């Protein structure tokens, strides 16, 4: 196998092991736990200030405000 294909295949193997390693039941428990630990490590690298945006937040606030306001008498 040429050396130029080795690094992308290694990165692919690491990514797949990190994502799906704990679901492979034929692996020993310490190996599956390593998969979970590596996933927690990579998720921990994500900065706290860079969280996913909640696009429904403003809509939820508007709904709560409408529910709290008194209904008009007709």
N, C-alpha and C. Protein backbone atom coordinates (compact mmCIF):
# COMPACT_ATOMS: atom_id res chain seq x y z
N UNK A 1 0.86 -1.18 0.00
CA UNK A 1 0.00 0.00 0.00
C UNK A 1 0.90 1.24 0.00
N UNK A 2 0.64 2.19 -0.87
CA UNK A 2 1.46 3.40 -0.91
C UNK A 2 1.31 4.21 0.37
N UNK A 3 2.36 4.93 0.73
CA UNK A 3 2.36 5.71 1.96
C UNK A 3 1.36 6.86 1.91
N UNK A 4 1.08 7.38 0.72
CA UNK A 4 0.17 8.51 0.63
C UNK A 4 -1.26 8.13 1.01
N UNK A 5 -1.62 6.87 0.94
CA UNK A 5 -2.96 6.43 1.33
C UNK A 5 -3.04 6.06 2.81
N UNK A 6 -1.92 5.95 3.47
CA UNK A 6 -1.91 5.48 4.85
C UNK A 6 -2.52 6.51 5.81
N UNK A 7 -2.16 7.77 5.68
CA UNK A 7 -2.62 8.79 6.62
C UNK A 7 -4.14 9.01 6.51
N UNK A 8 -4.71 9.16 5.32
CA UNK A 8 -6.18 9.31 5.27
C UNK A 8 -6.92 8.08 5.79
N UNK A 9 -6.39 6.89 5.53
CA UNK A 9 -7.04 5.68 6.05
C UNK A 9 -6.94 5.62 7.57
N UNK A 10 -5.82 6.04 8.12
CA UNK A 10 -5.66 6.08 9.57
C UNK A 10 -6.64 7.07 10.20
N UNK A 11 -6.76 8.25 9.60
CA UNK A 11 -7.71 9.24 10.11
C UNK A 11 -9.15 8.75 10.01
N UNK A 12 -9.47 8.07 8.93
CA UNK A 12 -10.81 7.50 8.77
C UNK A 12 -11.08 6.44 9.83
N UNK A 13 -10.09 5.58 10.08
CA UNK A 13 -10.24 4.56 11.11
C UNK A 13 -10.44 5.19 12.49
N UNK A 14 -9.67 6.23 12.80
CA UNK A 14 -9.80 6.90 14.11
C UNK A 14 -11.18 7.53 14.24
N UNK A 15 -11.65 8.19 13.18
CA UNK A 15 -12.96 8.82 13.24
C UNK A 15 -14.08 7.79 13.41
N UNK A 16 -14.01 6.70 12.66
CA UNK A 16 -15.04 5.67 12.78
C UNK A 16 -15.00 4.99 14.14
N UNK A 17 -13.80 4.74 14.65
CA UNK A 17 -13.69 4.13 15.98
C UNK A 17 -14.25 5.05 17.04
N UNK A 18 -13.97 6.35 16.92
CA UNK A 18 -14.47 7.31 17.91
C UNK A 18 -15.99 7.39 17.88
N UNK A 19 -16.57 7.35 16.68
CA UNK A 19 -18.01 7.48 16.56
C UNK A 19 -18.77 6.19 16.89
N UNK A 20 -18.24 5.03 16.44
CA UNK A 20 -19.02 3.80 16.52
C UNK A 20 -18.36 2.68 17.32
N UNK A 21 -17.23 2.95 17.94
CA UNK A 21 -16.49 1.89 18.63
C UNK A 21 -17.23 1.27 19.80
N UNK A 22 -18.04 2.05 20.49
CA UNK A 22 -18.75 1.51 21.66
C UNK A 22 -19.94 0.64 21.26
N UNK A 23 -20.37 0.70 20.02
CA UNK A 23 -21.50 -0.13 19.60
C UNK A 23 -21.07 -1.50 19.09
N UNK A 24 -19.78 -1.69 18.88
CA UNK A 24 -19.28 -2.97 18.39
C UNK A 24 -19.12 -3.92 19.57
N UNK A 25 -20.05 -4.85 19.71
CA UNK A 25 -20.09 -5.70 20.90
C UNK A 25 -19.02 -6.77 20.89
N UNK A 26 -18.40 -7.05 19.76
CA UNK A 26 -17.36 -8.08 19.74
C UNK A 26 -16.03 -7.56 20.30
N UNK A 27 -15.93 -6.23 20.48
CA UNK A 27 -14.72 -5.67 21.08
C UNK A 27 -14.77 -5.83 22.59
N UNK A 28 -13.61 -6.00 23.24
CA UNK A 28 -13.60 -6.08 24.70
C UNK A 28 -14.06 -4.75 25.32
N UNK A 29 -14.57 -4.83 26.56
CA UNK A 29 -15.11 -3.66 27.23
C UNK A 29 -14.09 -2.53 27.36
N UNK A 30 -12.81 -2.79 27.70
CA UNK A 30 -11.87 -1.67 27.78
C UNK A 30 -11.69 -0.92 26.45
N UNK A 31 -11.78 -1.62 25.35
CA UNK A 31 -11.66 -0.97 24.04
C UNK A 31 -12.89 -0.11 23.77
N UNK A 32 -14.07 -0.61 24.11
CA UNK A 32 -15.29 0.18 23.93
C UNK A 32 -15.27 1.41 24.84
N UNK A 33 -14.76 1.26 26.07
CA UNK A 33 -14.66 2.40 26.97
C UNK A 33 -13.68 3.44 26.43
N UNK A 34 -12.64 2.99 25.74
CA UNK A 34 -11.70 3.92 25.13
C UNK A 34 -12.38 4.74 24.04
N UNK A 35 -13.28 4.12 23.31
CA UNK A 35 -14.03 4.84 22.28
C UNK A 35 -14.87 5.94 22.91
N UNK A 36 -15.53 5.63 24.01
CA UNK A 36 -16.36 6.63 24.69
C UNK A 36 -15.49 7.74 25.26
N UNK A 37 -14.35 7.39 25.85
CA UNK A 37 -13.46 8.39 26.42
C UNK A 37 -12.90 9.31 25.34
N UNK A 38 -12.56 8.75 24.18
CA UNK A 38 -12.02 9.59 23.11
C UNK A 38 -13.11 10.51 22.57
N UNK A 39 -14.36 10.04 22.50
CA UNK A 39 -15.46 10.90 22.06
C UNK A 39 -15.67 12.05 23.04
N UNK A 40 -15.63 11.76 24.33
CA UNK A 40 -15.77 12.82 25.33
C UNK A 40 -14.63 13.82 25.24
N UNK A 41 -13.42 13.34 24.93
CA UNK A 41 -12.28 14.23 24.78
C UNK A 41 -12.48 15.17 23.60
N UNK A 42 -12.89 14.63 22.45
CA UNK A 42 -13.07 15.48 21.27
C UNK A 42 -14.22 16.45 21.45
N UNK A 43 -15.28 16.04 22.13
CA UNK A 43 -16.40 16.95 22.40
C UNK A 43 -15.96 18.03 23.38
N UNK A 44 -15.08 17.68 24.32
CA UNK A 44 -14.57 18.66 25.28
C UNK A 44 -13.71 19.72 24.65
N UNK A 45 -13.17 19.47 23.46
CA UNK A 45 -12.37 20.47 22.77
C UNK A 45 -13.23 21.59 22.18
N UNK A 46 -14.53 21.33 22.01
CA UNK A 46 -15.44 22.32 21.46
C UNK A 46 -15.61 23.44 22.49
N UNK A 47 -15.37 24.69 22.15
CA UNK A 47 -15.46 25.78 23.14
C UNK A 47 -16.88 25.99 23.64
N UNK A 48 -17.01 26.38 24.90
CA UNK A 48 -18.33 26.58 25.49
C UNK A 48 -19.06 27.77 24.86
N UNK A 49 -18.31 28.77 24.44
CA UNK A 49 -18.97 29.95 23.89
C UNK A 49 -19.50 29.71 22.49
N UNK A 50 -19.09 28.61 21.87
CA UNK A 50 -19.53 28.29 20.52
C UNK A 50 -20.59 27.20 20.59
N UNK A 51 -21.74 27.54 21.09
CA UNK A 51 -22.81 26.55 21.22
C UNK A 51 -23.77 26.67 20.05
N UNK A 52 -24.49 25.61 19.76
CA UNK A 52 -25.44 25.67 18.65
C UNK A 52 -26.54 26.70 18.92
N UNK A 53 -26.94 27.40 17.90
CA UNK A 53 -27.98 28.42 18.05
C UNK A 53 -29.35 27.76 18.13
N UNK A 54 -30.17 28.30 19.00
CA UNK A 54 -31.54 27.84 19.13
C UNK A 54 -32.42 28.79 18.32
N UNK A 55 -32.83 28.36 17.14
CA UNK A 55 -33.60 29.22 16.26
C UNK A 55 -35.03 29.42 16.76
N UNK A 56 -35.51 28.57 17.63
CA UNK A 56 -36.88 28.68 18.12
C UNK A 56 -36.97 29.45 19.43
N UNK A 57 -35.85 29.97 19.91
CA UNK A 57 -35.85 30.63 21.22
C UNK A 57 -36.77 31.86 21.22
N UNK A 58 -36.66 32.72 20.21
CA UNK A 58 -37.50 33.91 20.15
C UNK A 58 -38.96 33.52 19.99
N UNK A 59 -39.25 32.51 19.21
CA UNK A 59 -40.63 32.06 19.03
C UNK A 59 -41.20 31.54 20.35
N UNK A 60 -40.39 30.79 21.09
CA UNK A 60 -40.86 30.27 22.39
C UNK A 60 -41.13 31.42 23.35
N UNK A 61 -40.29 32.45 23.35
CA UNK A 61 -40.52 33.60 24.22
C UNK A 61 -41.81 34.32 23.84
N UNK A 62 -42.06 34.45 22.55
CA UNK A 62 -43.31 35.09 22.11
C UNK A 62 -44.53 34.28 22.52
N UNK A 63 -44.46 32.97 22.42
CA UNK A 63 -45.57 32.11 22.83
C UNK A 63 -45.82 32.23 24.32
N UNK A 64 -44.76 32.24 25.12
CA UNK A 64 -44.93 32.38 26.57
C UNK A 64 -45.51 33.73 26.92
N UNK A 65 -45.09 34.78 26.20
CA UNK A 65 -45.63 36.11 26.48
C UNK A 65 -47.12 36.16 26.14
N UNK A 66 -47.51 35.53 25.05
CA UNK A 66 -48.93 35.50 24.67
C UNK A 66 -49.75 34.69 25.66
N UNK A 67 -49.18 33.62 26.18
CA UNK A 67 -49.93 32.81 27.15
C UNK A 67 -50.09 33.53 28.49
N UNK A 68 -49.14 34.36 28.84
CA UNK A 68 -49.22 35.07 30.12
C UNK A 68 -50.12 36.30 30.05
N UNK A 69 -50.25 36.89 28.87
CA UNK A 69 -51.08 38.09 28.74
C UNK A 69 -52.56 37.71 28.83
N UNK A 70 -53.37 38.57 29.43
CA UNK A 70 -54.80 38.27 29.53
C UNK A 70 -55.46 38.34 28.15
N UNK A 71 -56.45 37.50 27.98
CA UNK A 71 -57.17 37.47 26.70
C UNK A 71 -58.16 38.66 26.66
N UNK A 72 -58.33 39.25 25.50
CA UNK A 72 -59.26 40.40 25.41
C UNK A 72 -60.72 39.93 25.53
N UNK A 73 -61.51 40.78 26.18
CA UNK A 73 -62.95 40.47 26.32
C UNK A 73 -63.68 40.93 25.07
N UNK A 74 -64.54 40.11 24.56
CA UNK A 74 -65.31 40.46 23.38
C UNK A 74 -66.75 40.62 23.73
